[in-house]
C-alpha cells in the first residue's frame, strides 16, 4: 500500500481503497452498459461471429469506461485523482488535445 500511496500521491489508506473500488465498479459498469448498446447496433452474441462480436464489444467498452471513470470516482470522493488520471492516460494515447483550452 505504501508504494501505491507514494506513486499516486495519496496520503491515506481509505483513498487507495476507494480508488481500487472505483476501478472495479467502473469496469463492471462499462461492460454492463455496452451490452444493450451492442444489441441496439444489431450485434448479438448468438447471431454474430465471436471474432467480430467480442473485438467490437471491447472497443465499445473502452470509451464508455474512460467517460464514466471520473463520474464514478466523483461518487467516491476521488474526482481529482481520476480527472488527472484521465488527462494523463488520454494524453499518452495522443488525445490530450481534448483537454486543452
PDB file of N, CA and C in Angstrom:
ATOM      1  N   UNK A   1       0.817  -1.194   0.000  1.00  0.00           N
ATOM      2  CA  UNK A   1       0.000   0.000   0.000  1.00  0.00           C
ATOM      3  C   UNK A   1       0.860   1.256   0.000  1.00  0.00           C
ATOM      4  N   UNK A   2       1.983   1.183   0.655  1.00  0.00           N
ATOM      5  CA  UNK A   2       2.848   2.367   0.724  1.00  0.00           C
ATOM      6  C   UNK A   2       3.364   2.756  -0.657  1.00  0.00           C
ATOM      7  N   UNK A   3       3.680   1.751  -1.492  1.00  0.00           N
ATOM      8  CA  UNK A   3       4.163   2.049  -2.841  1.00  0.00           C
ATOM      9  C   UNK A   3       3.080   2.753  -3.659  1.00  0.00           C
ATOM     10  N   UNK A   4       1.834   2.290  -3.524  1.00  0.00           N
ATOM     11  CA  UNK A   4       0.739   2.934  -4.249  1.00  0.00           C
ATOM     12  C   UNK A   4       0.515   4.354  -3.739  1.00  0.00           C
ATOM     13  N   UNK A   5       0.557   4.539  -2.437  1.00  0.00           N
ATOM     14  CA  UNK A   5       0.373   5.883  -1.883  1.00  0.00           C
ATOM     15  C   UNK A   5       1.438   6.835  -2.428  1.00  0.00           C
ATOM     16  N   UNK A   6       2.646   6.358  -2.486  1.00  0.00           N
ATOM     17  CA  UNK A   6       3.748   7.184  -2.976  1.00  0.00           C
ATOM     18  C   UNK A   6       3.593   7.457  -4.477  1.00  0.00           C
ATOM     19  N   UNK A   7       3.301   6.421  -5.246  1.00  0.00           N
ATOM     20  CA  UNK A   7       3.195   6.546  -6.698  1.00  0.00           C
ATOM     21  C   UNK A   7       2.038   7.451  -7.116  1.00  0.00           C
ATOM     22  N   UNK A   8       0.905   7.315  -6.431  1.00  0.00           N
ATOM     23  CA  UNK A   8      -0.286   8.075  -6.780  1.00  0.00           C
ATOM     24  C   UNK A   8      -0.389   9.397  -6.026  1.00  0.00           C
ATOM     25  N   UNK A   9       0.505   9.654  -5.099  1.00  0.00           N
ATOM     26  CA  UNK A   9       0.436  10.888  -4.324  1.00  0.00           C
ATOM     27  C   UNK A   9      -0.748  10.921  -3.374  1.00  0.00           C
ATOM     28  N   UNK A  10      -1.050   9.772  -2.799  1.00  0.00           N
ATOM     29  CA  UNK A  10      -2.188   9.618  -1.891  1.00  0.00           C
ATOM     30  C   UNK A  10      -1.662   9.606  -0.461  1.00  0.00           C
ATOM     31  N   UNK A  11      -2.433  10.180   0.449  1.00  0.00           N
ATOM     32  CA  UNK A  11      -1.965  10.290   1.824  1.00  0.00           C
ATOM     33  C   UNK A  11      -2.522   9.237   2.774  1.00  0.00           C
ATOM     34  N   UNK A  12      -3.701   8.677   2.467  1.00  0.00           N
ATOM     35  CA  UNK A  12      -4.269   7.719   3.420  1.00  0.00           C
ATOM     36  C   UNK A  12      -4.749   6.436   2.739  1.00  0.00           C
ATOM     37  N   UNK A  13      -4.924   5.427   3.539  1.00  0.00           N
ATOM     38  CA  UNK A  13      -5.322   4.112   3.018  1.00  0.00           C
ATOM     39  C   UNK A  13      -6.742   4.120   2.466  1.00  0.00           C
ATOM     40  N   UNK A  14      -7.642   4.936   3.056  1.00  0.00           N
ATOM     41  CA  UNK A  14      -9.012   4.994   2.564  1.00  0.00           C
ATOM     42  C   UNK A  14      -9.029   5.416   1.092  1.00  0.00           C
ATOM     43  N   UNK A  15      -8.201   6.372   0.718  1.00  0.00           N
ATOM     44  CA  UNK A  15      -8.173   6.841  -0.668  1.00  0.00           C
ATOM     45  C   UNK A  15      -7.745   5.724  -1.613  1.00  0.00           C
ATOM     46  N   UNK A  16      -6.779   4.931  -1.219  1.00  0.00           N
ATOM     47  CA  UNK A  16      -6.341   3.821  -2.071  1.00  0.00           C
ATOM     48  C   UNK A  16      -7.454   2.795  -2.218  1.00  0.00           C
ATOM     49  N   UNK A  17      -8.111   2.473  -1.128  1.00  0.00           N
ATOM     50  CA  UNK A  17      -9.213   1.513  -1.180  1.00  0.00           C
ATOM     51  C   UNK A  17     -10.334   2.053  -2.064  1.00  0.00           C
ATOM     52  N   UNK A  18     -10.667   3.323  -1.905  1.00  0.00           N
ATOM     53  CA  UNK A  18     -11.709   3.940  -2.721  1.00  0.00           C
ATOM     54  C   UNK A  18     -11.331   3.906  -4.203  1.00  0.00           C
ATOM     55  N   UNK A  19     -10.091   4.200  -4.521  1.00  0.00           N
ATOM     56  CA  UNK A  19      -9.634   4.193  -5.914  1.00  0.00           C
ATOM     57  C   UNK A  19      -9.729   2.794  -6.508  1.00  0.00           C
ATOM     58  N   UNK A  20      -9.304   1.787  -5.776  1.00  0.00           N
ATOM     59  CA  UNK A  20      -9.387   0.414  -6.277  1.00  0.00           C
ATOM     60  C   UNK A  20     -10.842  -0.019  -6.460  1.00  0.00           C
ATOM     61  N   UNK A  21     -11.714   0.401  -5.552  1.00  0.00           N
ATOM     62  CA  UNK A  21     -13.145   0.093  -5.684  1.00  0.00           C
ATOM     63  C   UNK A  21     -13.719   0.774  -6.924  1.00  0.00           C
ATOM     64  N   UNK A  22     -13.326   2.012  -7.167  1.00  0.00           N
ATOM     65  CA  UNK A  22     -13.813   2.735  -8.346  1.00  0.00           C
ATOM     66  C   UNK A  22     -13.379   2.023  -9.623  1.00  0.00           C
ATOM     67  N   UNK A  23     -12.132   1.606  -9.703  1.00  0.00           N
ATOM     68  CA  UNK A  23     -11.680   0.879 -10.891  1.00  0.00           C
ATOM     69  C   UNK A  23     -12.530  -0.377 -11.109  1.00  0.00           C
ATOM     70  N   UNK A  24     -12.804  -1.119 -10.052  1.00  0.00           N
ATOM     71  CA  UNK A  24     -13.582  -2.358 -10.164  1.00  0.00           C
ATOM     72  C   UNK A  24     -15.029  -2.083 -10.568  1.00  0.00           C
ATOM     73  N   UNK A  25     -15.659  -1.143  -9.892  1.00  0.00           N
ATOM     74  CA  UNK A  25     -17.061  -0.832 -10.194  1.00  0.00           C
ATOM     75  C   UNK A  25     -17.196  -0.295 -11.608  1.00  0.00           C
ATOM     76  N   UNK A  26     -16.306   0.589 -11.990  1.00  0.00           N
ATOM     77  CA  UNK A  26     -16.411   1.195 -13.313  1.00  0.00           C
ATOM     78  C   UNK A  26     -16.200   0.174 -14.429  1.00  0.00           C
ATOM     79  N   UNK A  27     -15.317  -0.776 -14.226  1.00  0.00           N
ATOM     80  CA  UNK A  27     -15.125  -1.824 -15.228  1.00  0.00           C
ATOM     81  C   UNK A  27     -16.388  -2.640 -15.427  1.00  0.00           C
ATOM     82  N   UNK A  28     -17.011  -3.022 -14.335  1.00  0.00           N
ATOM     83  CA  UNK A  28     -18.263  -3.775 -14.420  1.00  0.00           C
ATOM     84  C   UNK A  28     -19.370  -2.927 -15.037  1.00  0.00           C
ATOM     85  N   UNK A  29     -19.425  -1.660 -14.649  1.00  0.00           N
ATOM     86  CA  UNK A  29     -20.447  -0.760 -15.174  1.00  0.00           C
ATOM     87  C   UNK A  29     -20.299  -0.573 -16.690  1.00  0.00           C
ATOM     88  N   UNK A  30     -19.078  -0.380 -17.152  1.00  0.00           N
ATOM     89  CA  UNK A  30     -18.839  -0.183 -18.589  1.00  0.00           C
ATOM     90  C   UNK A  30     -19.241  -1.419 -19.382  1.00  0.00           C
ATOM     91  N   UNK A  31     -18.921  -2.599 -18.870  1.00  0.00           N
ATOM     92  CA  UNK A  31     -19.313  -3.838 -19.552  1.00  0.00           C
ATOM     93  C   UNK A  31     -20.834  -3.978 -19.563  1.00  0.00           C
ATOM     94  N   UNK A  32     -21.473  -3.604 -18.477  1.00  0.00           N
ATOM     95  CA  UNK A  32     -22.928  -3.702 -18.367  1.00  0.00           C
ATOM     96  C   UNK A  32     -23.611  -2.751 -19.351  1.00  0.00           C
ATOM     97  N   UNK A  33     -23.090  -1.536 -19.467  1.00  0.00           N
ATOM     98  CA  UNK A  33     -23.659  -0.542 -20.379  1.00  0.00           C
ATOM     99  C   UNK A  33     -23.434  -0.942 -21.836  1.00  0.00           C
ATOM    100  N   UNK A  34     -22.326  -1.577 -22.131  1.00  0.00           N
ATOM    101  CA  UNK A  34     -22.000  -1.944 -23.508  1.00  0.00           C
ATOM    102  C   UNK A  34     -22.944  -3.001 -24.075  1.00  0.00           C
ATOM    103  N   UNK A  35     -23.499  -3.841 -23.223  1.00  0.00           N
ATOM    104  CA  UNK A  35     -24.361  -4.922 -23.715  1.00  0.00           C
ATOM    105  C   UNK A  35     -25.598  -4.396 -24.455  1.00  0.00           C
ATOM    106  N   UNK A  36     -26.389  -3.492 -23.864  1.00  0.00           N
ATOM    107  CA  UNK A  36     -27.546  -3.009 -24.623  1.00  0.00           C
ATOM    108  C   UNK A  36     -27.160  -2.159 -25.838  1.00  0.00           C
ATOM    109  N   UNK A  37     -26.009  -1.517 -25.773  1.00  0.00           N
ATOM    110  CA  UNK A  37     -25.576  -0.726 -26.930  1.00  0.00           C
ATOM    111  C   UNK A  37     -25.225  -1.643 -28.090  1.00  0.00           C
ATOM    112  N   UNK A  38     -24.526  -2.744 -27.820  1.00  0.00           N
ATOM    113  CA  UNK A  38     -24.218  -3.695 -28.898  1.00  0.00           C
ATOM    114  C   UNK A  38     -25.497  -4.294 -29.458  1.00  0.00           C
ATOM    115  N   UNK A  39     -26.470  -4.567 -28.612  1.00  0.00           N
ATOM    116  CA  UNK A  39     -27.755  -5.097 -29.087  1.00  0.00           C
ATOM    117  C   UNK A  39     -28.460  -4.060 -29.960  1.00  0.00           C
ATOM    118  N   UNK A  40     -28.426  -2.787 -29.538  1.00  0.00           N
ATOM    119  CA  UNK A  40     -29.033  -1.708 -30.330  1.00  0.00           C
ATOM    120  C   UNK A  40     -28.388  -1.611 -31.712  1.00  0.00           C
ATOM    121  N   UNK A  41     -27.099  -1.863 -31.763  1.00  0.00           N
ATOM    122  CA  UNK A  41     -26.370  -1.815 -33.038  1.00  0.00           C
ATOM    123  C   UNK A  41     -26.594  -3.062 -33.885  1.00  0.00           C
ATOM    124  N   UNK A  42     -27.360  -4.015 -33.348  1.00  0.00           N
ATOM    125  CA  UNK A  42     -27.670  -5.234 -34.091  1.00  0.00           C
ATOM    126  C   UNK A  42     -26.637  -6.336 -33.921  1.00  0.00           C
ATOM    127  N   UNK A  43     -25.761  -6.194 -32.950  1.00  0.00           N
ATOM    128  CA  UNK A  43     -24.749  -7.213 -32.687  1.00  0.00           C
ATOM    129  C   UNK A  43     -25.197  -8.058 -31.499  1.00  0.00           C
ATOM    130  N   UNK A  44     -25.475  -9.310 -31.754  1.00  0.00           N
ATOM    131  CA  UNK A  44     -25.893 -10.228 -30.708  1.00  0.00           C
ATOM    132  C   UNK A  44     -24.908 -11.386 -30.647  1.00  0.00           C
ATOM    133  N   UNK A  45     -24.570 -11.788 -29.454  1.00  0.00           N
ATOM    134  CA  UNK A  45     -23.585 -12.847 -29.277  1.00  0.00           C
ATOM    135  C   UNK A  45     -24.025 -14.149 -29.957  1.00  0.00           C
ATOM    136  N   UNK A  46     -25.319 -14.402 -29.977  1.00  0.00           N
ATOM    137  CA  UNK A  46     -25.833 -15.640 -30.554  1.00  0.00           C
ATOM    138  C   UNK A  46     -25.806 -15.632 -32.079  1.00  0.00           C
ATOM    139  N   UNK A  47     -25.886 -14.450 -32.690  1.00  0.00           N
ATOM    140  CA  UNK A  47     -26.002 -14.376 -34.148  1.00  0.00           C
ATOM    141  C   UNK A  47     -24.783 -13.769 -34.843  1.00  0.00           C
ATOM    142  N   UNK A  48     -23.848 -13.250 -34.079  1.00  0.00           N
ATOM    143  CA  UNK A  48     -22.647 -12.636 -34.653  1.00  0.00           C
ATOM    144  C   UNK A  48     -21.446 -13.506 -34.329  1.00  0.00           C
ATOM    145  N   UNK A  49     -20.585 -13.689 -35.301  1.00  0.00           N
ATOM    146  CA  UNK A  49     -19.378 -14.495 -35.079  1.00  0.00           C
ATOM    147  C   UNK A  49     -18.566 -13.900 -33.922  1.00  0.00           C
ATOM    148  N   UNK A  50     -18.039 -14.774 -33.085  1.00  0.00           N
ATOM    149  CA  UNK A  50     -17.298 -14.338 -31.898  1.00  0.00           C
ATOM    150  C   UNK A  50     -16.115 -13.452 -32.270  1.00  0.00           C
ATOM    151  N   UNK A  51     -15.460 -13.732 -33.390  1.00  0.00           N
ATOM    152  CA  UNK A  51     -14.290 -12.941 -33.771  1.00  0.00           C
ATOM    153  C   UNK A  51     -14.671 -11.533 -34.230  1.00  0.00           C
ATOM    154  N   UNK A  52     -15.960 -11.305 -34.465  1.00  0.00           N
ATOM    155  CA  UNK A  52     -16.449  -9.958 -34.776  1.00  0.00           C
ATOM    156  C   UNK A  52     -17.056  -9.325 -33.522  1.00  0.00           C
ATOM    157  N   UNK A  53     -17.897 -10.087 -32.833  1.00  0.00           N
ATOM    158  CA  UNK A  53     -18.647  -9.569 -31.694  1.00  0.00           C
ATOM    159  C   UNK A  53     -17.739  -9.077 -30.575  1.00  0.00           C
ATOM    160  N   UNK A  54     -16.808  -9.911 -30.122  1.00  0.00           N
ATOM    161  CA  UNK A  54     -16.001  -9.551 -28.949  1.00  0.00           C
ATOM    162  C   UNK A  54     -15.040  -8.399 -29.188  1.00  0.00           C
ATOM    163  N   UNK A  55     -14.324  -8.346 -30.305  1.00  0.00           N
ATOM    164  CA  UNK A  55     -13.480  -7.156 -30.516  1.00  0.00           C
ATOM    165  C   UNK A  55     -14.290  -5.859 -30.588  1.00  0.00           C
ATOM    166  N   UNK A  56     -15.465  -5.906 -31.239  1.00  0.00           N
ATOM    167  CA  UNK A  56     -16.293  -4.706 -31.310  1.00  0.00           C
ATOM    168  C   UNK A  56     -16.840  -4.317 -29.941  1.00  0.00           C
ATOM    169  N   UNK A  57     -17.218  -5.313 -29.154  1.00  0.00           N
ATOM    170  CA  UNK A  57     -17.731  -5.015 -27.808  1.00  0.00           C
ATOM    171  C   UNK A  57     -16.626  -4.422 -26.934  1.00  0.00           C
ATOM    172  N   UNK A  58     -15.432  -4.969 -27.024  1.00  0.00           N
ATOM    173  CA  UNK A  58     -14.307  -4.436 -26.242  1.00  0.00           C
ATOM    174  C   UNK A  58     -13.979  -3.015 -26.694  1.00  0.00           C
ATOM    175  N   UNK A  59     -14.011  -2.774 -27.995  1.00  0.00           N
ATOM    176  CA  UNK A  59     -13.782  -1.410 -28.498  1.00  0.00           C
ATOM    177  C   UNK A  59     -14.862  -0.450 -28.016  1.00  0.00           C
ATOM    178  N   UNK A  60     -16.058  -0.940 -27.802  1.00  0.00           N
ATOM    179  CA  UNK A  60     -17.144  -0.116 -27.283  1.00  0.00           C
ATOM    180  C   UNK A  60     -16.987   0.131 -25.783  1.00  0.00           C
ATOM    181  N   UNK A  61     -16.533  -0.871 -25.063  1.00  0.00           N
ATOM    182  CA  UNK A  61     -16.354  -0.739 -23.613  1.00  0.00           C
ATOM    183  C   UNK A  61     -15.307   0.318 -23.289  1.00  0.00           C
ATOM    184  N   UNK A  62     -14.254   0.392 -24.075  1.00  0.00           N
ATOM    185  CA  UNK A  62     -13.155   1.313 -23.786  1.00  0.00           C
ATOM    186  C   UNK A  62     -13.603   2.766 -23.636  1.00  0.00           C
ATOM    187  N   UNK A  63     -14.312   3.358 -24.605  1.00  0.00           N
ATOM    188  CA  UNK A  63     -14.710   4.763 -24.415  1.00  0.00           C
ATOM    189  C   UNK A  63     -15.745   4.943 -23.301  1.00  0.00           C
ATOM    190  N   UNK A  64     -16.600   3.944 -23.105  1.00  0.00           N
ATOM    191  CA  UNK A  64     -17.565   4.026 -22.008  1.00  0.00           C
ATOM    192  C   UNK A  64     -16.809   4.074 -20.686  1.00  0.00           C
ATOM    193  N   UNK A  65     -15.815   3.214 -20.548  1.00  0.00           N
ATOM    194  CA  UNK A  65     -15.012   3.165 -19.326  1.00  0.00           C
ATOM    195  C   UNK A  65     -14.325   4.509 -19.075  1.00  0.00           C
ATOM    196  N   UNK A  66     -13.718   5.048 -20.115  1.00  0.00           N
ATOM    197  CA  UNK A  66     -12.995   6.311 -19.967  1.00  0.00           C
ATOM    198  C   UNK A  66     -13.938   7.459 -19.616  1.00  0.00           C
ATOM    199  N   UNK A  67     -15.123   7.465 -20.204  1.00  0.00           N
ATOM    200  CA  UNK A  67     -16.073   8.552 -19.956  1.00  0.00           C
ATOM    201  C   UNK A  67     -16.676   8.475 -18.560  1.00  0.00           C
ATOM    202  N   UNK A  68     -16.886   7.285 -18.053  1.00  0.00           N
ATOM    203  CA  UNK A  68     -17.558   7.146 -16.755  1.00  0.00           C
ATOM    204  C   UNK A  68     -16.597   7.084 -15.574  1.00  0.00           C
ATOM    205  N   UNK A  69     -15.320   6.892 -15.814  1.00  0.00           N
ATOM    206  CA  UNK A  69     -14.366   6.785 -14.712  1.00  0.00           C
ATOM    207  C   UNK A  69     -14.348   8.019 -13.801  1.00  0.00           C
ATOM    208  N   UNK A  70     -14.272   9.228 -14.331  1.00  0.00           N
ATOM    209  CA  UNK A  70     -14.300  10.384 -13.422  1.00  0.00           C
ATOM    210  C   UNK A  70     -15.640  10.519 -12.677  1.00  0.00           C
ATOM    211  N   UNK A  71     -16.721  10.106 -13.306  1.00  0.00           N
ATOM    212  CA  UNK A  71     -18.038  10.204 -12.673  1.00  0.00           C
ATOM    213  C   UNK A  71     -18.128   9.257 -11.487  1.00  0.00           C
ATOM    214  N   UNK A  72     -17.737   8.010 -11.691  1.00  0.00           N
ATOM    215  CA  UNK A  72     -17.751   7.038 -10.597  1.00  0.00           C
ATOM    216  C   UNK A  72     -16.735   7.453  -9.535  1.00  0.00           C
ATOM    217  N   UNK A  73     -15.603   7.976  -9.948  1.00  0.00           N
ATOM    218  CA  UNK A  73     -14.615   8.487  -9.000  1.00  0.00           C
ATOM    219  C   UNK A  73     -15.182   9.605  -8.143  1.00  0.00           C
ATOM    220  N   UNK A  74     -15.970  10.471  -8.758  1.00  0.00           N
ATOM    221  CA  UNK A  74     -16.602  11.561  -8.021  1.00  0.00           C
ATOM    222  C   UNK A  74     -17.534  11.018  -6.934  1.00  0.00           C
ATOM    223  N   UNK A  75     -18.269   9.957  -7.260  1.00  0.00           N
ATOM    224  CA  UNK A  75     -19.186   9.359  -6.279  1.00  0.00           C
ATOM    225  C   UNK A  75     -18.447   8.869  -5.039  1.00  0.00           C
ATOM    226  N   UNK A  76     -17.180   8.511  -5.206  1.00  0.00           N
ATOM    227  CA  UNK A  76     -16.373   8.034  -4.089  1.00  0.00           C
ATOM    228  C   UNK A  76     -15.423   9.105  -3.552  1.00  0.00           C
ATOM    229  N   UNK A  77     -15.632  10.348  -3.962  1.00  0.00           N
ATOM    230  CA  UNK A  77     -14.819  11.444  -3.460  1.00  0.00           C
ATOM    231  C   UNK A  77     -13.408  11.482  -4.017  1.00  0.00           C
ATOM    232  N   UNK A  78     -13.217  10.892  -5.185  1.00  0.00           N
ATOM    233  CA  UNK A  78     -11.882  10.820  -5.777  1.00  0.00           C
ATOM    234  C   UNK A  78     -11.830  11.443  -7.171  1.00  0.00           C
ATOM    235  N   UNK A  79     -12.674  12.434  -7.416  1.00  0.00           N
ATOM    236  CA  UNK A  79     -12.726  13.045  -8.743  1.00  0.00           C
ATOM    237  C   UNK A  79     -11.376  13.612  -9.168  1.00  0.00           C
ATOM    238  N   UNK A  80     -10.716  14.325  -8.275  1.00  0.00           N
ATOM    239  CA  UNK A  80      -9.441  14.967  -8.610  1.00  0.00           C
ATOM    240  C   UNK A  80      -8.426  13.931  -9.113  1.00  0.00           C
ATOM    241  N   UNK A  81      -8.338  12.800  -8.422  1.00  0.00           N
ATOM    242  CA  UNK A  81      -7.411  11.748  -8.828  1.00  0.00           C
ATOM    243  C   UNK A  81      -7.763  11.221 -10.212  1.00  0.00           C
ATOM    244  N   UNK A  82      -9.047  10.901 -10.432  1.00  0.00           N
ATOM    245  CA  UNK A  82      -9.442  10.285 -11.697  1.00  0.00           C
ATOM    246  C   UNK A  82      -9.446  11.270 -12.851  1.00  0.00           C
ATOM    247  N   UNK A  83      -9.673  12.549 -12.597  1.00  0.00           N
ATOM    248  CA  UNK A  83      -9.585  13.531 -13.665  1.00  0.00           C
ATOM    249  C   UNK A  83      -8.132  13.650 -14.135  1.00  0.00           C
ATOM    250  N   UNK A  84      -7.213  13.698 -13.188  1.00  0.00           N
ATOM    251  CA  UNK A  84      -5.789  13.742 -13.548  1.00  0.00           C
ATOM    252  C   UNK A  84      -5.380  12.447 -14.251  1.00  0.00           C
ATOM    253  N   UNK A  85      -5.893  11.326 -13.781  1.00  0.00           N
ATOM    254  CA  UNK A  85      -5.601  10.024 -14.385  1.00  0.00           C
ATOM    255  C   UNK A  85      -6.073  10.004 -15.837  1.00  0.00           C
ATOM    256  N   UNK A  86      -7.290  10.484 -16.097  1.00  0.00           N
ATOM    257  CA  UNK A  86      -7.837  10.516 -17.459  1.00  0.00           C
ATOM    258  C   UNK A  86      -7.003  11.402 -18.379  1.00  0.00           C
ATOM    259  N   UNK A  87      -6.670  12.595 -17.904  1.00  0.00           N
ATOM    260  CA  UNK A  87      -5.889  13.504 -18.739  1.00  0.00           C
ATOM    261  C   UNK A  87      -4.533  12.892 -19.095  1.00  0.00           C
ATOM    262  N   UNK A  88      -3.902  12.265 -18.126  1.00  0.00           N
ATOM    263  CA  UNK A  88      -2.597  11.644 -18.377  1.00  0.00           C
ATOM    264  C   UNK A  88      -2.740  10.465 -19.342  1.00  0.00           C
ATOM    265  N   UNK A  89      -3.726   9.621 -19.113  1.00  0.00           N
ATOM    266  CA  UNK A  89      -3.935   8.437 -19.946  1.00  0.00           C
ATOM    267  C   UNK A  89      -4.271   8.825 -21.385  1.00  0.00           C
ATOM    268  N   UNK A  90      -5.222   9.721 -21.559  1.00  0.00           N
ATOM    269  CA  UNK A  90      -5.609  10.118 -22.913  1.00  0.00           C
ATOM    270  C   UNK A  90      -4.498  10.905 -23.609  1.00  0.00           C
ATOM    271  N   UNK A  91      -3.695  11.619 -22.828  1.00  0.00           N
ATOM    272  CA  UNK A  91      -2.541  12.301 -23.401  1.00  0.00           C
ATOM    273  C   UNK A  91      -1.548  11.309 -23.989  1.00  0.00           C
ATOM    274  N   UNK A  92      -1.373  10.193 -23.294  1.00  0.00           N
ATOM    275  CA  UNK A  92      -0.471   9.156 -23.800  1.00  0.00           C
ATOM    276  C   UNK A  92      -1.001   8.503 -25.069  1.00  0.00           C
ATOM    277  N   UNK A  93      -2.316   8.526 -25.244  1.00  0.00           N
ATOM    278  CA  UNK A  93      -2.921   7.973 -26.465  1.00  0.00           C
ATOM    279  C   UNK A  93      -2.936   8.982 -27.602  1.00  0.00           C
ATOM    280  N   UNK A  94      -2.427  10.164 -27.335  1.00  0.00           N
ATOM    281  CA  UNK A  94      -2.426  11.216 -28.359  1.00  0.00           C
ATOM    282  C   UNK A  94      -3.730  11.993 -28.395  1.00  0.00           C
ATOM    283  N   UNK A  95      -4.554  11.859 -27.370  1.00  0.00           N
ATOM    284  CA  UNK A  95      -5.832  12.561 -27.321  1.00  0.00           C
ATOM    285  C   UNK A  95      -5.826  13.691 -26.297  1.00  0.00           C
ATOM    286  N   UNK A  96      -4.650  14.119 -25.908  1.00  0.00           N
ATOM    287  CA  UNK A  96      -4.517  15.177 -24.920  1.00  0.00           C
ATOM    288  C   UNK A  96      -5.134  16.494 -25.355  1.00  0.00           C
ATOM    289  N   UNK A  97      -5.272  16.687 -26.674  1.00  0.00           N
ATOM    290  CA  UNK A  97      -5.880  17.915 -27.183  1.00  0.00           C
ATOM    291  C   UNK A  97      -7.320  18.086 -26.711  1.00  0.00           C
ATOM    292  N   UNK A  98      -7.956  17.008 -26.272  1.00  0.00           N
ATOM    293  CA  UNK A  98      -9.327  17.092 -25.790  1.00  0.00           C
ATOM    294  C   UNK A  98      -9.432  17.920 -24.513  1.00  0.00           C
ATOM    295  N   UNK A  99      -8.330  18.064 -23.791  1.00  0.00           N
ATOM    296  CA  UNK A  99      -8.343  18.760 -22.513  1.00  0.00           C
ATOM    297  C   UNK A  99      -7.670  20.127 -22.572  1.00  0.00           C
ATOM    298  N   UNK A 100      -7.231  20.536 -23.736  1.00  0.00           N
ATOM    299  CA  UNK A 100      -6.609  21.861 -23.870  1.00  0.00           C
ATOM    300  C   UNK A 100      -7.700  22.904 -24.005  1.00  0.00           C
ATOM    301  N   UNK A 101      -7.478  24.057 -23.428  1.00  0.00           N
ATOM    302  CA  UNK A 101      -8.485  25.119 -23.566  1.00  0.00           C
ATOM    303  C   UNK A 101      -8.094  26.133 -24.599  1.00  0.00           C
TER     304      UNK A 101
END
